[in-house]
């Protein structure tokens, strides 16, 4: 800045400018938090049979995790895999 524009900003000006730039790029956290539910509703409407689980701390508006299992993948996995018969790790003593 000093060489190109002949201006030397203070550190506080740089910090404020960086904060404004990040806010315009990333947006408001509370606004994004409100969009989680609409995203889940749209996902469930477009992908029937899907399962979505969201974990949030509602009192602090903190997003923790989202687990998505799409219905198409779930059906493909269940139809494409063989059924498994499992036995306990004991000795079989007959037919």
Foldseek 3Di string as FASTA:
>chain_A
DCVPPVDDDDPVVVVVVVVVVCCVVVPDLVVVLVCPVVVVVVLCVVFPPKDKDWDADVVVSGGDDMDIDGRVNVVCVVVVDDDDDDDPPDDDDDD
